[in-house]
N, C-alpha and C. Protein backbone atom coordinates (compact mmCIF):
# COMPACT_ATOMS: atom_id res chain seq x y z
N PRO A 1 95.94 103.57 96.19
CA PRO A 1 95.36 102.99 97.40
C PRO A 1 95.16 101.49 97.26
N ALA A 2 95.27 100.82 98.36
CA ALA A 2 95.11 99.37 98.37
C ALA A 2 93.66 99.01 98.10
N GLY A 3 93.51 97.88 97.43
CA GLY A 3 92.18 97.34 97.22
C GLY A 3 91.82 96.44 98.39
N ARG A 4 92.20 95.19 98.27
CA ARG A 4 92.04 94.22 99.36
C ARG A 4 93.41 93.65 99.67
N PRO A 5 94.23 94.39 100.41
CA PRO A 5 95.58 93.89 100.71
C PRO A 5 95.51 92.61 101.52
N TRP A 6 96.22 91.61 101.08
CA TRP A 6 96.12 90.30 101.71
C TRP A 6 96.70 90.29 103.11
N GLN A 7 97.61 91.22 103.43
CA GLN A 7 98.19 91.25 104.78
C GLN A 7 97.42 92.17 105.73
N LYS A 8 96.46 92.92 105.19
CA LYS A 8 95.65 93.81 106.03
C LYS A 8 94.18 93.57 105.74
N PRO A 9 93.66 92.44 106.15
CA PRO A 9 92.25 92.18 105.87
C PRO A 9 91.36 93.15 106.63
N GLY A 10 90.22 93.43 106.07
CA GLY A 10 89.22 94.23 106.77
C GLY A 10 89.46 95.72 106.78
N LEU A 11 89.97 96.29 105.68
CA LEU A 11 90.05 97.74 105.63
C LEU A 11 88.65 98.29 105.82
N SER A 12 88.47 99.16 106.78
CA SER A 12 87.12 99.61 107.10
C SER A 12 86.72 100.87 106.37
N THR A 13 87.65 101.62 105.83
CA THR A 13 87.32 102.86 105.15
C THR A 13 87.10 102.57 103.66
N PRO A 14 85.93 102.89 103.15
CA PRO A 14 85.65 102.62 101.74
C PRO A 14 86.67 103.28 100.80
N ALA A 15 86.90 102.61 99.69
CA ALA A 15 87.91 103.07 98.73
C ALA A 15 87.68 104.50 98.27
N GLU A 16 86.42 104.88 98.05
CA GLU A 16 86.17 106.24 97.55
C GLU A 16 86.66 107.30 98.54
N HIS A 17 86.57 107.01 99.84
CA HIS A 17 87.09 107.96 100.83
C HIS A 17 88.61 107.98 100.82
N ARG A 18 89.23 106.81 100.69
CA ARG A 18 90.70 106.77 100.67
C ARG A 18 91.25 107.50 99.45
N VAL A 19 90.58 107.37 98.31
CA VAL A 19 91.00 108.09 97.10
C VAL A 19 90.81 109.59 97.30
N ALA A 20 89.69 109.98 97.87
CA ALA A 20 89.42 111.41 98.09
C ALA A 20 90.45 112.01 99.06
N MET A 21 90.85 111.25 100.08
CA MET A 21 91.86 111.76 101.01
C MET A 21 93.21 111.92 100.31
N LEU A 22 93.55 110.99 99.43
CA LEU A 22 94.80 111.13 98.67
C LEU A 22 94.76 112.37 97.78
N ARG A 23 93.63 112.56 97.11
CA ARG A 23 93.50 113.75 96.26
C ARG A 23 93.66 115.03 97.08
N ALA A 24 93.06 115.05 98.26
CA ALA A 24 93.18 116.22 99.14
C ALA A 24 94.63 116.42 99.59
N ALA A 25 95.31 115.33 99.89
CA ALA A 25 96.69 115.41 100.38
C ALA A 25 97.64 115.98 99.33
N PHE A 26 97.41 115.63 98.06
CA PHE A 26 98.34 116.02 97.00
C PHE A 26 97.85 117.17 96.13
N ALA A 27 96.70 117.74 96.44
CA ALA A 27 96.09 118.77 95.59
C ALA A 27 96.99 119.98 95.36
N ARG A 28 97.77 120.34 96.35
CA ARG A 28 98.58 121.57 96.24
C ARG A 28 100.06 121.31 95.99
N TRP A 29 100.41 120.08 95.68
CA TRP A 29 101.81 119.78 95.40
C TRP A 29 102.24 120.42 94.10
N ALA A 30 103.47 120.90 94.04
CA ALA A 30 103.99 121.50 92.82
C ALA A 30 104.17 120.45 91.72
N THR A 31 104.52 119.24 92.12
CA THR A 31 104.68 118.14 91.16
C THR A 31 103.35 117.41 91.04
N PRO A 32 102.87 117.22 89.83
CA PRO A 32 101.59 116.50 89.69
C PRO A 32 101.70 115.07 90.20
N VAL A 33 100.69 114.62 90.92
CA VAL A 33 100.64 113.27 91.44
C VAL A 33 99.42 112.59 90.83
N VAL A 34 99.65 111.40 90.28
CA VAL A 34 98.56 110.60 89.71
C VAL A 34 98.22 109.51 90.71
N ILE A 35 96.96 109.40 91.04
CA ILE A 35 96.50 108.37 91.97
C ILE A 35 96.01 107.19 91.14
N ASP A 36 96.73 106.10 91.24
CA ASP A 36 96.42 104.90 90.47
C ASP A 36 95.38 104.09 91.23
N GLU A 37 94.23 103.86 90.61
CA GLU A 37 93.13 103.19 91.29
C GLU A 37 92.98 101.73 90.88
N GLN A 38 93.97 101.17 90.19
CA GLN A 38 93.81 99.80 89.70
C GLN A 38 93.60 98.77 90.81
N GLU A 39 94.23 98.96 91.95
CA GLU A 39 94.06 97.96 93.02
C GLU A 39 92.65 97.95 93.58
N ILE A 40 92.04 99.11 93.69
CA ILE A 40 90.68 99.12 94.23
C ILE A 40 89.66 98.64 93.20
N GLN A 41 90.05 98.65 91.95
CA GLN A 41 89.16 98.15 90.90
C GLN A 41 89.35 96.65 90.65
N ARG A 42 90.41 96.08 91.17
CA ARG A 42 90.73 94.67 90.96
C ARG A 42 89.90 93.80 91.91
N ASP A 43 89.40 92.69 91.38
CA ASP A 43 88.73 91.70 92.23
C ASP A 43 89.79 90.86 92.93
N GLY A 44 89.51 90.45 94.14
CA GLY A 44 90.43 89.60 94.87
C GLY A 44 91.49 90.38 95.62
N PRO A 45 92.41 89.67 96.24
CA PRO A 45 93.46 90.31 97.04
C PRO A 45 94.37 91.19 96.17
N SER A 46 94.95 92.21 96.80
CA SER A 46 95.89 93.10 96.12
C SER A 46 97.31 92.69 96.44
N TYR A 47 98.10 92.54 95.41
CA TYR A 47 99.52 92.23 95.57
C TYR A 47 100.33 93.30 94.85
N ALA A 48 101.34 93.82 95.51
CA ALA A 48 102.17 94.88 94.92
C ALA A 48 102.79 94.43 93.60
N VAL A 49 103.20 93.19 93.51
CA VAL A 49 103.85 92.71 92.30
C VAL A 49 102.89 92.79 91.10
N ASP A 50 101.61 92.50 91.30
CA ASP A 50 100.63 92.59 90.22
C ASP A 50 100.44 94.04 89.77
N THR A 51 100.38 94.94 90.75
CA THR A 51 100.21 96.36 90.44
C THR A 51 101.41 96.89 89.67
N LEU A 52 102.61 96.54 90.11
CA LEU A 52 103.81 97.00 89.42
C LEU A 52 103.93 96.39 88.02
N GLN A 53 103.52 95.14 87.85
CA GLN A 53 103.54 94.54 86.52
C GLN A 53 102.62 95.31 85.57
N ALA A 54 101.45 95.67 86.05
CA ALA A 54 100.50 96.43 85.23
C ALA A 54 101.04 97.82 84.91
N LEU A 55 101.65 98.47 85.89
CA LEU A 55 102.23 99.80 85.64
C LEU A 55 103.39 99.72 84.65
N ARG A 56 104.22 98.71 84.80
CA ARG A 56 105.35 98.54 83.89
C ARG A 56 104.84 98.31 82.47
N ALA A 57 103.82 97.48 82.32
CA ALA A 57 103.25 97.22 80.99
C ALA A 57 102.66 98.50 80.40
N GLU A 58 102.04 99.31 81.23
CA GLU A 58 101.42 100.55 80.76
C GLU A 58 102.44 101.62 80.42
N LEU A 59 103.47 101.77 81.25
CA LEU A 59 104.42 102.88 81.10
C LEU A 59 105.64 102.54 80.27
N GLY A 60 105.92 101.26 80.08
CA GLY A 60 107.07 100.85 79.28
C GLY A 60 108.28 100.50 80.13
N GLU A 61 109.27 99.95 79.45
CA GLU A 61 110.47 99.43 80.13
C GLU A 61 111.45 100.51 80.59
N ASP A 62 111.39 101.69 80.01
CA ASP A 62 112.41 102.71 80.28
C ASP A 62 112.03 103.74 81.33
N VAL A 63 110.79 103.74 81.77
CA VAL A 63 110.31 104.73 82.73
C VAL A 63 110.73 104.32 84.14
N SER A 64 111.23 105.29 84.90
CA SER A 64 111.58 105.03 86.29
C SER A 64 110.31 104.96 87.12
N ILE A 65 110.12 103.83 87.77
CA ILE A 65 109.00 103.65 88.68
C ILE A 65 109.58 103.45 90.08
N VAL A 66 109.05 104.22 91.03
CA VAL A 66 109.51 104.13 92.40
C VAL A 66 108.32 103.78 93.29
N MET A 67 108.48 102.74 94.06
CA MET A 67 107.45 102.35 95.03
C MET A 67 107.95 102.78 96.41
N ALA A 68 107.20 103.66 97.05
CA ALA A 68 107.59 104.18 98.37
C ALA A 68 106.85 103.42 99.46
N LEU A 69 107.60 102.99 100.45
CA LEU A 69 107.05 102.20 101.56
C LEU A 69 107.63 102.72 102.88
N GLY A 70 106.94 102.43 103.94
CA GLY A 70 107.51 102.70 105.26
C GLY A 70 108.61 101.70 105.52
N ALA A 71 109.64 102.11 106.24
CA ALA A 71 110.77 101.21 106.52
C ALA A 71 110.33 99.99 107.32
N ASP A 72 109.23 100.10 108.05
CA ASP A 72 108.74 98.94 108.77
C ASP A 72 108.38 97.81 107.82
N GLN A 73 108.02 98.13 106.58
CA GLN A 73 107.71 97.09 105.59
C GLN A 73 108.96 96.33 105.14
N LEU A 74 110.11 96.95 105.30
CA LEU A 74 111.36 96.26 104.98
C LEU A 74 111.54 95.04 105.90
N LEU A 75 111.01 95.13 107.10
CA LEU A 75 111.15 94.04 108.06
C LEU A 75 110.33 92.80 107.69
N ASN A 76 109.26 93.00 106.91
CA ASN A 76 108.46 91.84 106.51
C ASN A 76 108.35 91.70 105.00
N LEU A 77 109.24 92.34 104.26
CA LEU A 77 109.22 92.25 102.80
C LEU A 77 109.31 90.80 102.33
N HIS A 78 110.03 89.99 103.05
CA HIS A 78 110.19 88.59 102.67
C HIS A 78 108.87 87.81 102.68
N THR A 79 107.83 88.37 103.29
CA THR A 79 106.53 87.70 103.31
C THR A 79 105.65 88.11 102.14
N TRP A 80 106.08 89.10 101.37
CA TRP A 80 105.28 89.58 100.25
C TRP A 80 105.35 88.59 99.09
N ARG A 81 104.30 88.52 98.34
CA ARG A 81 104.24 87.65 97.18
C ARG A 81 105.31 88.08 96.15
N ASN A 82 106.14 87.13 95.77
CA ASN A 82 107.18 87.35 94.74
C ASN A 82 108.01 88.61 94.99
N TRP A 83 108.39 88.84 96.23
CA TRP A 83 109.06 90.10 96.57
C TRP A 83 110.32 90.37 95.77
N PRO A 84 111.17 89.38 95.41
CA PRO A 84 112.36 89.73 94.62
C PRO A 84 112.00 90.33 93.26
N GLN A 85 110.85 89.94 92.72
CA GLN A 85 110.43 90.46 91.42
C GLN A 85 110.10 91.95 91.48
N LEU A 86 109.79 92.47 92.67
CA LEU A 86 109.50 93.90 92.80
C LEU A 86 110.65 94.73 92.24
N PHE A 87 111.89 94.28 92.48
CA PHE A 87 113.07 95.02 92.02
C PHE A 87 113.22 94.95 90.50
N GLU A 88 112.63 93.96 89.87
CA GLU A 88 112.67 93.86 88.40
C GLU A 88 111.67 94.81 87.76
N LEU A 89 110.77 95.34 88.55
CA LEU A 89 109.70 96.18 88.04
C LEU A 89 109.82 97.64 88.46
N ALA A 90 110.49 97.90 89.57
CA ALA A 90 110.53 99.25 90.14
C ALA A 90 111.74 99.40 91.05
N HIS A 91 111.94 100.62 91.48
CA HIS A 91 112.87 100.90 92.58
C HIS A 91 112.03 100.87 93.85
N LEU A 92 112.63 100.49 94.96
CA LEU A 92 111.93 100.51 96.24
C LEU A 92 112.59 101.52 97.15
N VAL A 93 111.79 102.42 97.69
CA VAL A 93 112.26 103.43 98.63
C VAL A 93 111.58 103.16 99.96
N PHE A 94 112.37 103.09 101.01
CA PHE A 94 111.86 102.82 102.35
C PHE A 94 112.10 104.07 103.20
N ALA A 95 111.03 104.65 103.71
CA ALA A 95 111.13 105.87 104.52
C ALA A 95 111.07 105.51 105.99
N THR A 96 112.05 106.00 106.74
CA THR A 96 112.09 105.74 108.17
C THR A 96 111.47 106.92 108.93
N ARG A 97 110.74 106.60 109.97
CA ARG A 97 110.19 107.64 110.84
C ARG A 97 111.27 108.04 111.84
N PRO A 98 111.16 109.26 112.38
CA PRO A 98 112.09 109.63 113.45
C PRO A 98 112.03 108.59 114.58
N GLY A 99 113.17 108.21 115.06
CA GLY A 99 113.23 107.23 116.14
C GLY A 99 113.25 105.78 115.69
N PHE A 100 113.01 105.52 114.41
CA PHE A 100 113.07 104.15 113.90
C PHE A 100 114.50 103.87 113.47
N ASP A 101 115.13 102.94 114.15
CA ASP A 101 116.53 102.61 113.87
C ASP A 101 116.60 101.32 113.07
N LEU A 102 116.81 101.44 111.80
CA LEU A 102 116.89 100.26 110.94
C LEU A 102 118.10 99.41 111.30
N GLN A 103 119.15 100.06 111.80
CA GLN A 103 120.35 99.31 112.17
C GLN A 103 120.08 98.33 113.29
N GLY A 104 119.13 98.65 114.15
CA GLY A 104 118.83 97.78 115.27
C GLY A 104 117.83 96.68 114.94
N GLN A 105 117.42 96.60 113.70
CA GLN A 105 116.41 95.62 113.29
C GLN A 105 117.08 94.41 112.62
N THR A 106 116.43 93.29 112.70
CA THR A 106 116.92 92.08 112.05
C THR A 106 116.13 91.86 110.77
N LEU A 107 116.80 91.99 109.65
CA LEU A 107 116.17 91.76 108.36
C LEU A 107 116.29 90.30 107.98
N ASP A 108 115.33 89.83 107.21
CA ASP A 108 115.44 88.51 106.63
C ASP A 108 116.75 88.48 105.83
N PRO A 109 117.55 87.42 105.94
CA PRO A 109 118.85 87.39 105.25
C PRO A 109 118.78 87.62 103.74
N ALA A 110 117.77 87.07 103.08
CA ALA A 110 117.65 87.27 101.63
C ALA A 110 117.33 88.72 101.31
N VAL A 111 116.47 89.34 102.11
CA VAL A 111 116.13 90.76 101.91
C VAL A 111 117.37 91.62 102.17
N ALA A 112 118.10 91.32 103.23
CA ALA A 112 119.32 92.08 103.55
C ALA A 112 120.33 91.99 102.41
N ALA A 113 120.48 90.81 101.82
CA ALA A 113 121.42 90.64 100.71
C ALA A 113 120.97 91.43 99.49
N HIS A 114 119.68 91.38 99.17
CA HIS A 114 119.15 92.16 98.04
C HIS A 114 119.40 93.65 98.27
N LEU A 115 119.07 94.10 99.48
CA LEU A 115 119.19 95.51 99.80
C LEU A 115 120.65 95.97 99.70
N ALA A 116 121.57 95.19 100.22
CA ALA A 116 122.98 95.56 100.22
C ALA A 116 123.53 95.77 98.82
N ARG A 117 123.11 94.96 97.88
CA ARG A 117 123.67 95.10 96.52
C ARG A 117 122.87 96.04 95.64
N ARG A 118 121.74 96.55 96.15
CA ARG A 118 120.88 97.40 95.32
C ARG A 118 120.79 98.84 95.80
N LEU A 119 121.47 99.20 96.87
CA LEU A 119 121.36 100.57 97.37
C LEU A 119 121.84 101.56 96.32
N GLY A 120 121.05 102.60 96.11
CA GLY A 120 121.37 103.62 95.13
C GLY A 120 121.04 105.00 95.67
N SER A 121 121.35 105.99 94.88
CA SER A 121 121.08 107.38 95.24
C SER A 121 119.79 107.84 94.56
N PRO A 122 119.20 108.94 95.04
CA PRO A 122 118.02 109.48 94.35
C PRO A 122 118.28 109.77 92.87
N THR A 123 119.47 110.24 92.55
CA THR A 123 119.81 110.51 91.14
C THR A 123 119.79 109.22 90.34
N GLN A 124 120.34 108.16 90.88
CA GLN A 124 120.33 106.88 90.18
C GLN A 124 118.90 106.37 89.99
N LEU A 125 118.05 106.59 90.96
CA LEU A 125 116.66 106.16 90.84
C LEU A 125 115.96 106.92 89.72
N ARG A 126 116.26 108.20 89.59
CA ARG A 126 115.62 109.00 88.53
C ARG A 126 116.10 108.61 87.14
N THR A 127 117.33 108.15 87.04
CA THR A 127 117.92 107.92 85.72
C THR A 127 117.96 106.46 85.30
N SER A 128 117.36 105.59 86.07
CA SER A 128 117.25 104.17 85.69
C SER A 128 115.82 103.71 85.95
N ALA A 129 115.42 102.65 85.30
CA ALA A 129 114.02 102.23 85.33
C ALA A 129 113.62 101.43 86.57
N HIS A 130 114.53 100.62 87.10
CA HIS A 130 114.16 99.74 88.20
C HIS A 130 115.41 99.10 88.79
N GLY A 131 115.22 98.37 89.88
CA GLY A 131 116.29 97.55 90.42
C GLY A 131 117.05 98.09 91.60
N LEU A 132 116.78 99.33 92.01
CA LEU A 132 117.55 99.91 93.11
C LEU A 132 116.68 100.09 94.35
N ALA A 133 117.34 100.30 95.47
CA ALA A 133 116.67 100.59 96.73
C ALA A 133 117.30 101.84 97.34
N PHE A 134 116.52 102.56 98.08
CA PHE A 134 116.99 103.75 98.77
C PHE A 134 116.28 103.80 100.12
N ILE A 135 117.03 104.17 101.15
CA ILE A 135 116.43 104.33 102.47
C ILE A 135 116.44 105.82 102.80
N ALA A 136 115.26 106.39 102.88
CA ALA A 136 115.10 107.81 103.18
C ALA A 136 114.99 107.97 104.69
N THR A 137 115.91 108.70 105.27
CA THR A 137 115.94 108.84 106.73
C THR A 137 115.46 110.21 107.19
N ASN A 138 114.85 110.99 106.29
CA ASN A 138 114.48 112.36 106.64
C ASN A 138 112.98 112.59 106.71
N LEU A 139 112.19 111.53 106.90
CA LEU A 139 110.75 111.70 107.04
C LEU A 139 110.49 112.44 108.36
N ALA A 140 109.73 113.51 108.29
CA ALA A 140 109.55 114.37 109.46
C ALA A 140 108.39 113.94 110.37
N ILE A 141 107.52 113.07 109.90
CA ILE A 141 106.34 112.72 110.68
C ILE A 141 106.61 111.47 111.50
N ASP A 142 106.48 111.61 112.81
CA ASP A 142 106.73 110.49 113.72
C ASP A 142 105.40 109.92 114.21
N MET A 143 104.56 109.49 113.25
CA MET A 143 103.26 108.97 113.62
C MET A 143 102.81 107.96 112.57
N ALA A 144 102.39 106.81 113.03
CA ALA A 144 101.88 105.77 112.14
C ALA A 144 100.40 106.00 111.88
N SER A 145 99.89 105.42 110.79
CA SER A 145 98.48 105.59 110.47
C SER A 145 97.59 105.06 111.59
N THR A 146 98.01 104.00 112.26
CA THR A 146 97.24 103.47 113.39
C THR A 146 97.13 104.52 114.50
N ASP A 147 98.22 105.25 114.77
CA ASP A 147 98.20 106.30 115.78
C ASP A 147 97.22 107.41 115.40
N ILE A 148 97.20 107.76 114.12
CA ILE A 148 96.29 108.81 113.65
C ILE A 148 94.85 108.36 113.82
N ARG A 149 94.54 107.13 113.41
CA ARG A 149 93.17 106.62 113.55
C ARG A 149 92.75 106.55 115.02
N GLN A 150 93.67 106.15 115.90
CA GLN A 150 93.34 106.09 117.33
C GLN A 150 93.09 107.49 117.89
N ALA A 151 93.89 108.45 117.46
CA ALA A 151 93.69 109.83 117.92
C ALA A 151 92.33 110.35 117.46
N LEU A 152 91.97 110.07 116.22
CA LEU A 152 90.67 110.51 115.70
C LEU A 152 89.52 109.83 116.44
N ALA A 153 89.67 108.53 116.71
CA ALA A 153 88.62 107.79 117.41
C ALA A 153 88.41 108.31 118.82
N SER A 154 89.48 108.78 119.44
CA SER A 154 89.35 109.30 120.80
C SER A 154 88.99 110.78 120.82
N GLY A 155 88.81 111.37 119.64
CA GLY A 155 88.43 112.78 119.57
C GLY A 155 89.59 113.75 119.68
N ASP A 156 90.81 113.26 119.57
CA ASP A 156 91.99 114.11 119.70
C ASP A 156 92.45 114.59 118.31
N ALA A 157 91.67 115.51 117.73
CA ALA A 157 91.98 116.02 116.39
C ALA A 157 93.32 116.75 116.37
N ARG A 158 93.70 117.38 117.47
CA ARG A 158 94.97 118.09 117.51
C ARG A 158 96.14 117.12 117.32
N ARG A 159 96.08 115.98 117.99
CA ARG A 159 97.14 114.96 117.83
C ARG A 159 97.12 114.40 116.40
N ALA A 160 95.93 114.13 115.87
CA ALA A 160 95.82 113.62 114.49
C ALA A 160 96.39 114.61 113.49
N ALA A 161 96.21 115.91 113.75
CA ALA A 161 96.70 116.95 112.84
C ALA A 161 98.22 116.96 112.74
N GLU A 162 98.91 116.39 113.74
CA GLU A 162 100.37 116.32 113.68
C GLU A 162 100.85 115.41 112.56
N GLY A 163 100.00 114.47 112.12
CA GLY A 163 100.41 113.52 111.10
C GLY A 163 99.63 113.62 109.81
N LEU A 164 98.76 114.59 109.70
CA LEU A 164 97.92 114.71 108.51
C LEU A 164 97.97 116.10 107.90
N PRO A 165 97.93 116.17 106.57
CA PRO A 165 97.75 117.49 105.95
C PRO A 165 96.37 118.03 106.33
N GLY A 166 96.27 119.33 106.49
CA GLY A 166 95.00 119.97 106.88
C GLY A 166 93.81 119.56 106.03
N PRO A 167 93.93 119.55 104.69
CA PRO A 167 92.78 119.17 103.88
C PRO A 167 92.31 117.73 104.12
N VAL A 168 93.23 116.85 104.49
CA VAL A 168 92.85 115.46 104.77
C VAL A 168 92.09 115.39 106.09
N LEU A 169 92.58 116.08 107.11
CA LEU A 169 91.86 116.12 108.38
C LEU A 169 90.48 116.72 108.20
N ASP A 170 90.37 117.79 107.41
CA ASP A 170 89.06 118.38 107.14
C ASP A 170 88.12 117.37 106.49
N TYR A 171 88.62 116.62 105.53
CA TYR A 171 87.81 115.61 104.84
C TYR A 171 87.33 114.55 105.84
N ILE A 172 88.25 114.07 106.65
CA ILE A 172 87.90 113.05 107.64
C ILE A 172 86.82 113.55 108.58
N GLN A 173 86.93 114.77 109.04
CA GLN A 173 85.95 115.31 109.96
C GLN A 173 84.60 115.55 109.28
N ARG A 174 84.63 116.02 108.02
CA ARG A 174 83.37 116.24 107.29
C ARG A 174 82.61 114.95 107.04
N HIS A 175 83.34 113.85 106.89
CA HIS A 175 82.71 112.57 106.56
C HIS A 175 82.65 111.61 107.76
N TYR A 176 83.01 112.10 108.95
CA TYR A 176 82.91 111.32 110.19
C TYR A 176 83.64 109.99 110.09
N LEU A 177 84.85 110.03 109.54
CA LEU A 177 85.65 108.81 109.40
C LEU A 177 86.45 108.54 110.67
N TYR A 178 86.71 107.29 110.94
CA TYR A 178 87.59 106.82 112.02
C TYR A 178 87.10 107.18 113.41
N GLN A 179 85.80 107.39 113.57
CA GLN A 179 85.29 107.71 114.91
C GLN A 179 85.18 106.47 115.79
N ASN A 180 85.03 105.32 115.20
CA ASN A 180 84.93 104.07 115.96
C ASN A 180 86.02 103.14 115.51
N PHE A 181 87.23 103.41 115.92
CA PHE A 181 88.38 102.65 115.46
C PHE A 181 88.89 101.77 116.57
N SER A 182 89.23 100.55 116.24
CA SER A 182 89.99 99.69 117.17
C SER A 182 91.13 99.10 116.39
N SER A 183 92.31 99.09 116.97
CA SER A 183 93.50 98.64 116.26
C SER A 183 93.36 97.19 115.91
């Protein structure tokens, strides 16, 4: 979870709730998921490059690290701190939502050039440590986090449930989160 992301000032949900929701979301996955809390423990703004540097130092040079992002982040990747270095530390996977057409988007030319020469397959991502990109076009959820928060704020739990695992929605309702949300 993000600590103090510099591009999203004013996260209103306390870190302990965001960590608890992640634990609820992944509790029943067959593959173990580790929730890295270093960003929320870090003072100051959170930068992905700092987090990946710390993970690389901890896990070593040979471990495959994959950073998963929404494809919408591909459109502003050029604004991220030291974004080309991200590829030196990890693979980047961009997941598209249904209806999001990456072909119709204008990428920053430097990002487009990096992406074009780094596209790889899931197998290549598993068998190499870093440097590749993959665009996943099979994400089944057509709802952004902002849409979920707005649905919860308006009391439309049924709409919010379309984009959330049941245990996460239960947690949100038990702790009265996102009841007063404004985009």
